[in-house]
């Protein structure tokens, strides 16, 4: 089974919550309460998202986190990449020299096409689209 980590799933949930009011600052406890994700996981996930420039940290009284860009400008691929690293279905999808079969493999080019198709789909899907259940994703 091909599956993203729970942390990637939580990252999309947290980003979706922040997208409800993109300019509003929310702290870890508020986000944990609103999403029912544990505060330690929220904190850990927000740090990854901030490190990758998807959210920004606001210090001081009333501090917390907010989106660094409007939800329409944030792709689902960017969220997954912030948590998981580069999206790759197989090791050879994004690296050379990682497999002993590489020199003889006739399937590698097809995996690269499949991988690129998935990445492209995730790049075209914005946080705004994911956040709005009333809109069809148009896939």
Protein backbone atom coordinates (compact mmCIF):
# COMPACT_ATOMS: atom_id res chain seq x y z
CA UNK A 1 0.00 0.00 0.00
CA UNK A 2 1.25 3.43 -0.94
CA UNK A 3 0.50 5.89 1.83
CA UNK A 4 1.72 9.24 3.10
CA UNK A 5 2.80 9.50 6.71
CA UNK A 6 0.36 10.64 9.37
CA UNK A 7 2.45 13.76 9.77
CA UNK A 8 1.84 14.71 6.11
CA UNK A 9 -1.85 14.12 6.64
CA UNK A 10 -1.77 16.27 9.78
CA UNK A 11 0.18 18.95 7.91
CA UNK A 12 -2.62 19.26 5.35
CA UNK A 13 -5.20 19.39 8.16
CA UNK A 14 -3.25 22.12 9.98
CA UNK A 15 -2.65 24.11 6.80
CA UNK A 16 -6.32 23.82 5.93
CA UNK A 17 -7.24 25.18 9.35
CA UNK A 18 -4.84 28.10 8.92
CA UNK A 19 -6.30 28.71 5.45
CA UNK A 20 -9.72 29.37 6.99
CA UNK A 21 -8.34 32.73 8.16
CA UNK A 22 -5.01 33.20 6.33
CA UNK A 23 -4.00 36.42 8.09
CA UNK A 24 -4.93 35.24 11.58
CA UNK A 25 -2.23 34.06 13.96
CA UNK A 26 -3.00 30.77 15.73
CA UNK A 27 -0.95 29.19 18.48
CA UNK A 28 -0.18 25.50 18.91
CA UNK A 29 -2.86 24.92 21.54
CA UNK A 30 -5.57 26.59 19.43
CA UNK A 31 -4.62 24.49 16.42
CA UNK A 32 -4.45 21.31 18.49
CA UNK A 33 -7.90 21.97 19.92
CA UNK A 34 -9.43 22.90 16.55
CA UNK A 35 -7.97 19.92 14.67
CA UNK A 36 -7.77 17.33 17.47
CA UNK A 37 -4.13 16.67 16.60
CA UNK A 38 -1.93 16.38 19.69
CA UNK A 39 -0.09 19.56 20.68
CA UNK A 40 3.37 17.91 20.40
CA UNK A 41 2.59 16.72 16.86
CA UNK A 42 1.17 20.14 15.95
CA UNK A 43 4.34 21.83 17.23
CA UNK A 44 6.65 19.42 15.41
CA UNK A 45 4.71 19.72 12.15
CA UNK A 46 4.47 23.52 12.30
CA UNK A 47 8.25 23.75 12.71
CA UNK A 48 8.73 21.76 9.48
CA UNK A 49 6.20 23.89 7.64
CA UNK A 50 7.84 27.09 8.90
CA UNK A 51 11.33 25.86 8.01
CA UNK A 52 10.09 25.32 4.46
CA UNK A 53 8.50 28.79 4.21
CA UNK A 54 4.85 27.71 4.07
CA UNK A 55 3.94 29.35 7.36
CA UNK A 56 5.57 32.05 9.42
CA UNK A 57 6.10 32.27 13.13
CA UNK A 58 4.94 35.36 14.99
CA UNK A 59 6.66 35.97 18.31
CA UNK A 60 5.43 37.70 21.42
CA UNK A 61 2.11 38.00 23.19
CA UNK A 62 -0.57 36.73 20.86
CA UNK A 63 2.10 34.96 18.83
CA UNK A 64 1.78 31.76 16.92
CA UNK A 65 1.69 30.81 13.25
CA UNK A 66 -0.02 32.02 10.08
CA UNK A 67 0.23 31.20 6.40
CA UNK A 68 3.20 32.77 4.63
CA UNK A 69 1.19 33.00 1.38
CA UNK A 70 -2.44 32.99 0.36
CA UNK A 71 -4.00 29.49 0.22
CA UNK A 72 -4.30 29.70 -3.59
CA UNK A 73 -0.51 29.99 -3.85
CA UNK A 74 0.33 26.94 -1.70
CA UNK A 75 0.32 23.59 -3.45
CA UNK A 76 -0.35 20.27 -1.80
CA UNK A 77 2.98 19.12 -3.28
CA UNK A 78 4.75 21.85 -1.29
CA UNK A 79 3.08 20.71 1.94
CA UNK A 80 4.01 17.07 1.38
CA UNK A 81 7.55 18.02 0.35
CA UNK A 82 7.97 20.07 3.54
CA UNK A 83 7.17 17.03 5.69
CA UNK A 84 8.34 14.05 3.63
CA UNK A 85 11.06 15.52 1.44
CA UNK A 86 11.02 15.15 -2.33
CA UNK A 87 8.08 13.13 -3.63
CA UNK A 88 9.28 9.89 -5.18
CA UNK A 89 7.36 6.65 -5.60
CA UNK A 90 10.55 4.67 -6.11
CA UNK A 91 14.13 5.45 -5.17
CA UNK A 92 15.12 5.69 -8.81
CA UNK A 93 12.37 8.22 -9.51
CA UNK A 94 14.53 11.07 -8.27
CA UNK A 95 18.04 9.69 -7.77
CA UNK A 96 20.75 8.13 -9.90
CA UNK A 97 23.05 5.42 -8.60
CA UNK A 98 20.69 4.15 -5.92
CA UNK A 99 19.89 0.76 -7.40
CA UNK A 100 22.06 -2.10 -8.59
CA UNK A 101 19.59 -2.73 -11.45
CA UNK A 102 19.76 0.81 -12.78
CA UNK A 103 21.99 0.02 -15.76
CA UNK A 104 19.69 -2.77 -16.94
CA UNK A 105 16.26 -1.59 -15.83
CA UNK A 106 13.76 -0.95 -18.57
CA UNK A 107 11.04 0.16 -16.14
CA UNK A 108 12.84 3.19 -14.65
CA UNK A 109 11.72 5.64 -17.36
CA UNK A 110 8.10 4.62 -16.83
CA UNK A 111 8.40 5.12 -13.06
CA UNK A 112 9.80 8.57 -13.73
CA UNK A 113 6.77 9.40 -15.91
CA UNK A 114 4.38 8.10 -13.25
CA UNK A 115 6.21 10.02 -10.54
CA UNK A 116 6.17 13.23 -12.59
CA UNK A 117 2.44 12.84 -13.24
CA UNK A 118 1.68 12.52 -9.53
CA UNK A 119 3.92 15.46 -8.64
CA UNK A 120 2.29 17.59 -11.34
CA UNK A 121 -1.18 16.74 -10.03
CA UNK A 122 -0.20 17.63 -6.47
CA UNK A 123 1.43 20.88 -7.66
CA UNK A 124 -1.75 21.90 -9.46
CA UNK A 125 -3.92 21.27 -6.41
CA UNK A 126 -3.88 24.29 -4.10
CA UNK A 127 -4.54 24.48 -0.40
CA UNK A 128 -7.56 26.67 -1.22
CA UNK A 129 -9.02 23.87 -3.34
CA UNK A 130 -8.36 21.25 -0.68
CA UNK A 131 -9.71 23.48 2.07
CA UNK A 132 -13.02 24.09 0.32
CA UNK A 133 -15.14 20.92 0.44
CA UNK A 134 -17.88 22.57 -1.61
CA UNK A 135 -15.60 22.90 -4.65
CA UNK A 136 -14.81 20.01 -6.92
CA UNK A 137 -11.10 19.37 -7.27
CA UNK A 138 -11.31 19.22 -11.05
CA UNK A 139 -9.08 16.21 -11.46
